[in-house]
Amino acid sequence: MTTRIVLHIDRLVLRGVARGDAGALAAALRSALQERLAAPAATAALAAQPSAALLRAPAVALAPGVDAGTHGQAIGQAIARQLNPGATP
């Protein structure tokens, strides 16, 4: 049986990120979430949780001079940890 995960991010507030980096950051964020949420353990953990209308992931410190892709990966990891707290990064 295939389990389908649908995740909508309606609002993502990025302070200190150049507008030109937004696309790369979003692509890295999407990739990080797909990778972490596709794991069988994540699917099982999510299935055991009630649906959530709102998720507030912890703040992620964005280091100066680091590329947008690295920031997107870090944000994706933070969101995935909130969705599946028992998972390893």
N, C-alpha and C. Protein backbone atom coordinates (compact mmCIF):
# COMPACT_ATOMS: atom_id res chain seq x y z
N MET A 1 0.84 -1.17 0.00
CA MET A 1 0.00 0.00 0.00
C MET A 1 0.89 1.25 0.00
N THR A 2 0.57 2.21 -0.82
CA THR A 2 1.32 3.45 -0.90
C THR A 2 0.64 4.51 -0.05
N THR A 3 1.42 5.17 0.78
CA THR A 3 0.90 6.26 1.59
C THR A 3 1.32 7.56 0.94
N ARG A 4 0.40 8.46 0.84
CA ARG A 4 0.67 9.76 0.20
C ARG A 4 0.70 10.83 1.27
N ILE A 5 1.75 11.61 1.27
CA ILE A 5 1.87 12.73 2.19
C ILE A 5 1.68 14.01 1.40
N VAL A 6 0.76 14.85 1.87
CA VAL A 6 0.51 16.13 1.22
C VAL A 6 0.87 17.22 2.22
N LEU A 7 1.80 18.05 1.84
CA LEU A 7 2.27 19.12 2.71
C LEU A 7 2.14 20.43 1.96
N HIS A 8 1.45 21.37 2.57
CA HIS A 8 1.30 22.71 1.98
C HIS A 8 1.99 23.71 2.89
N ILE A 9 2.85 24.50 2.31
CA ILE A 9 3.46 25.59 3.07
C ILE A 9 2.84 26.87 2.53
N ASP A 10 1.94 27.44 3.32
CA ASP A 10 1.24 28.64 2.88
C ASP A 10 2.06 29.90 3.07
N ARG A 11 2.92 29.87 4.06
CA ARG A 11 3.70 31.08 4.34
C ARG A 11 5.06 30.68 4.88
N LEU A 12 6.07 31.21 4.28
CA LEU A 12 7.44 30.98 4.72
C LEU A 12 8.09 32.35 4.84
N VAL A 13 8.44 32.73 6.05
CA VAL A 13 9.03 34.05 6.29
C VAL A 13 10.54 33.88 6.32
N LEU A 14 11.22 34.58 5.43
CA LEU A 14 12.68 34.51 5.34
C LEU A 14 13.26 35.90 5.55
N ARG A 15 13.91 36.05 6.66
CA ARG A 15 14.56 37.34 6.93
C ARG A 15 16.04 37.20 6.63
N GLY A 16 16.59 38.15 5.93
CA GLY A 16 18.01 38.13 5.64
C GLY A 16 18.38 37.31 4.41
N VAL A 17 17.40 36.92 3.62
CA VAL A 17 17.66 36.14 2.40
C VAL A 17 17.37 37.05 1.20
N ALA A 18 18.33 37.16 0.31
CA ALA A 18 18.16 37.99 -0.89
C ALA A 18 17.06 37.42 -1.77
N ARG A 19 16.29 38.30 -2.39
CA ARG A 19 15.20 37.85 -3.28
C ARG A 19 15.71 36.92 -4.38
N GLY A 20 16.89 37.18 -4.87
CA GLY A 20 17.46 36.36 -5.93
C GLY A 20 17.79 34.94 -5.48
N ASP A 21 17.89 34.73 -4.19
CA ASP A 21 18.20 33.40 -3.65
C ASP A 21 16.95 32.60 -3.30
N ALA A 22 15.79 33.21 -3.40
CA ALA A 22 14.56 32.56 -2.96
C ALA A 22 14.28 31.26 -3.72
N GLY A 23 14.51 31.25 -5.03
CA GLY A 23 14.24 30.05 -5.83
C GLY A 23 15.12 28.87 -5.42
N ALA A 24 16.41 29.14 -5.24
CA ALA A 24 17.35 28.08 -4.83
C ALA A 24 17.02 27.58 -3.43
N LEU A 25 16.65 28.50 -2.55
CA LEU A 25 16.30 28.11 -1.20
C LEU A 25 15.04 27.24 -1.22
N ALA A 26 14.03 27.64 -1.97
CA ALA A 26 12.78 26.87 -2.05
C ALA A 26 13.03 25.47 -2.64
N ALA A 27 13.87 25.38 -3.66
CA ALA A 27 14.17 24.08 -4.26
C ALA A 27 14.89 23.16 -3.26
N ALA A 28 15.83 23.71 -2.50
CA ALA A 28 16.54 22.92 -1.50
C ALA A 28 15.61 22.51 -0.36
N LEU A 29 14.71 23.40 0.02
CA LEU A 29 13.72 23.08 1.06
C LEU A 29 12.83 21.93 0.61
N ARG A 30 12.33 22.03 -0.61
CA ARG A 30 11.48 20.97 -1.18
C ARG A 30 12.22 19.64 -1.22
N SER A 31 13.46 19.67 -1.66
CA SER A 31 14.28 18.47 -1.75
C SER A 31 14.50 17.83 -0.38
N ALA A 32 14.83 18.66 0.61
CA ALA A 32 15.07 18.16 1.97
C ALA A 32 13.81 17.51 2.53
N LEU A 33 12.67 18.14 2.34
CA LEU A 33 11.42 17.57 2.85
C LEU A 33 11.07 16.27 2.14
N GLN A 34 11.22 16.25 0.82
CA GLN A 34 10.92 15.03 0.08
C GLN A 34 11.79 13.88 0.54
N GLU A 35 13.07 14.16 0.73
CA GLU A 35 14.02 13.12 1.15
C GLU A 35 13.67 12.57 2.53
N ARG A 36 13.42 13.45 3.47
CA ARG A 36 13.18 13.01 4.84
C ARG A 36 11.79 12.41 5.04
N LEU A 37 10.80 12.93 4.36
CA LEU A 37 9.44 12.43 4.55
C LEU A 37 9.15 11.19 3.71
N ALA A 38 10.03 10.86 2.78
CA ALA A 38 9.84 9.65 1.96
C ALA A 38 10.31 8.40 2.69
N ALA A 39 11.05 8.56 3.76
CA ALA A 39 11.55 7.40 4.52
C ALA A 39 10.38 6.64 5.14
N PRO A 40 10.42 5.31 5.10
CA PRO A 40 9.33 4.51 5.67
C PRO A 40 9.03 4.86 7.13
N ALA A 41 10.05 5.13 7.92
CA ALA A 41 9.83 5.48 9.33
C ALA A 41 9.04 6.79 9.46
N ALA A 42 9.31 7.73 8.57
CA ALA A 42 8.59 9.01 8.61
C ALA A 42 7.13 8.80 8.26
N THR A 43 6.87 7.98 7.26
CA THR A 43 5.49 7.70 6.85
C THR A 43 4.72 7.08 8.00
N ALA A 44 5.32 6.11 8.69
CA ALA A 44 4.66 5.45 9.81
C ALA A 44 4.42 6.43 10.96
N ALA A 45 5.41 7.27 11.25
CA ALA A 45 5.26 8.24 12.34
C ALA A 45 4.16 9.25 12.03
N LEU A 46 4.11 9.71 10.80
CA LEU A 46 3.08 10.67 10.41
C LEU A 46 1.70 10.06 10.43
N ALA A 47 1.58 8.81 10.03
CA ALA A 47 0.28 8.14 10.02
C ALA A 47 -0.27 8.01 11.43
N ALA A 48 0.59 7.94 12.43
CA ALA A 48 0.16 7.78 13.81
C ALA A 48 -0.24 9.10 14.45
N GLN A 49 0.03 10.21 13.79
CA GLN A 49 -0.29 11.53 14.35
C GLN A 49 -1.62 12.04 13.80
N PRO A 50 -2.32 12.84 14.60
CA PRO A 50 -3.51 13.50 14.05
C PRO A 50 -3.07 14.56 13.04
N SER A 51 -3.93 14.92 12.13
CA SER A 51 -3.55 15.94 11.15
C SER A 51 -3.34 17.26 11.89
N ALA A 52 -2.45 18.05 11.36
CA ALA A 52 -2.13 19.33 11.99
C ALA A 52 -2.47 20.46 11.03
N ALA A 53 -3.27 21.38 11.51
CA ALA A 53 -3.63 22.52 10.68
C ALA A 53 -2.51 23.55 10.63
N LEU A 54 -1.67 23.53 11.65
CA LEU A 54 -0.61 24.53 11.74
C LEU A 54 0.61 23.90 12.41
N LEU A 55 1.75 24.17 11.86
CA LEU A 55 3.00 23.70 12.43
C LEU A 55 3.95 24.88 12.54
N ARG A 56 4.47 25.08 13.70
CA ARG A 56 5.46 26.14 13.89
C ARG A 56 6.79 25.47 14.18
N ALA A 57 7.62 25.45 13.17
CA ALA A 57 8.96 24.88 13.34
C ALA A 57 9.82 25.89 14.09
N PRO A 58 10.82 25.41 14.79
CA PRO A 58 11.69 26.34 15.52
C PRO A 58 12.47 27.21 14.54
N ALA A 59 12.92 28.33 15.04
CA ALA A 59 13.72 29.23 14.21
C ALA A 59 15.01 28.54 13.79
N VAL A 60 15.43 28.84 12.58
CA VAL A 60 16.67 28.27 12.05
C VAL A 60 17.62 29.44 11.82
N ALA A 61 18.78 29.38 12.45
CA ALA A 61 19.78 30.44 12.28
C ALA A 61 20.44 30.30 10.92
N LEU A 62 20.39 31.35 10.13
CA LEU A 62 21.00 31.35 8.81
C LEU A 62 22.35 32.05 8.89
N ALA A 63 23.39 31.30 8.66
CA ALA A 63 24.74 31.85 8.77
C ALA A 63 25.06 32.76 7.58
N PRO A 64 25.69 33.88 7.81
CA PRO A 64 26.07 34.77 6.71
C PRO A 64 27.11 34.09 5.81
N GLY A 65 26.98 34.34 4.52
CA GLY A 65 27.95 33.81 3.57
C GLY A 65 27.69 32.38 3.12
N VAL A 66 26.65 31.75 3.64
CA VAL A 66 26.31 30.38 3.24
C VAL A 66 25.30 30.44 2.11
N ASP A 67 25.42 29.52 1.15
CA ASP A 67 24.53 29.58 -0.01
C ASP A 67 23.09 29.23 0.36
N ALA A 68 22.16 29.67 -0.48
CA ALA A 68 20.73 29.49 -0.24
C ALA A 68 20.34 28.03 -0.17
N GLY A 69 21.00 27.17 -0.94
CA GLY A 69 20.69 25.75 -0.91
C GLY A 69 20.94 25.13 0.46
N THR A 70 22.03 25.53 1.10
CA THR A 70 22.35 25.04 2.43
C THR A 70 21.30 25.51 3.43
N HIS A 71 20.86 26.75 3.29
CA HIS A 71 19.81 27.27 4.16
C HIS A 71 18.51 26.49 3.94
N GLY A 72 18.16 26.22 2.70
CA GLY A 72 16.94 25.46 2.40
C GLY A 72 16.98 24.07 3.01
N GLN A 73 18.14 23.42 2.94
CA GLN A 73 18.29 22.09 3.56
C GLN A 73 18.08 22.18 5.07
N ALA A 74 18.65 23.19 5.71
CA ALA A 74 18.53 23.35 7.16
C ALA A 74 17.08 23.59 7.56
N ILE A 75 16.38 24.40 6.80
CA ILE A 75 14.97 24.67 7.09
C ILE A 75 14.14 23.40 6.89
N GLY A 76 14.42 22.66 5.83
CA GLY A 76 13.71 21.40 5.58
C GLY A 76 13.92 20.40 6.70
N GLN A 77 15.14 20.32 7.22
CA GLN A 77 15.44 19.43 8.34
C GLN A 77 14.65 19.83 9.58
N ALA A 78 14.57 21.14 9.84
CA ALA A 78 13.84 21.62 11.02
C ALA A 78 12.35 21.27 10.92
N ILE A 79 11.78 21.45 9.74
CA ILE A 79 10.36 21.13 9.55
C ILE A 79 10.14 19.62 9.68
N ALA A 80 11.01 18.83 9.08
CA ALA A 80 10.88 17.37 9.13
C ALA A 80 10.99 16.88 10.58
N ARG A 81 11.87 17.48 11.37
CA ARG A 81 12.00 17.09 12.78
C ARG A 81 10.71 17.37 13.55
N GLN A 82 10.03 18.44 13.20
CA GLN A 82 8.75 18.74 13.86
C GLN A 82 7.68 17.73 13.47
N LEU A 83 7.70 17.31 12.22
CA LEU A 83 6.72 16.33 11.74
C LEU A 83 7.02 14.93 12.24
N ASN A 84 8.29 14.61 12.41
CA ASN A 84 8.72 13.28 12.82
C ASN A 84 9.82 13.42 13.87
N PRO A 85 9.44 13.74 15.12
CA PRO A 85 10.43 14.07 16.15
C PRO A 85 11.44 12.97 16.46
N GLY A 86 11.11 11.73 16.22
CA GLY A 86 12.03 10.63 16.54
C GLY A 86 13.08 10.37 15.48
N ALA A 87 13.00 11.04 14.35
CA ALA A 87 13.92 10.79 13.25
C ALA A 87 15.28 11.44 13.52
N THR A 88 16.29 10.86 12.91
CA THR A 88 17.62 11.46 12.99
C THR A 88 17.78 12.41 11.82
N PRO A 89 18.57 13.47 11.99
CA PRO A 89 18.74 14.45 10.90
C PRO A 89 19.42 13.89 9.69
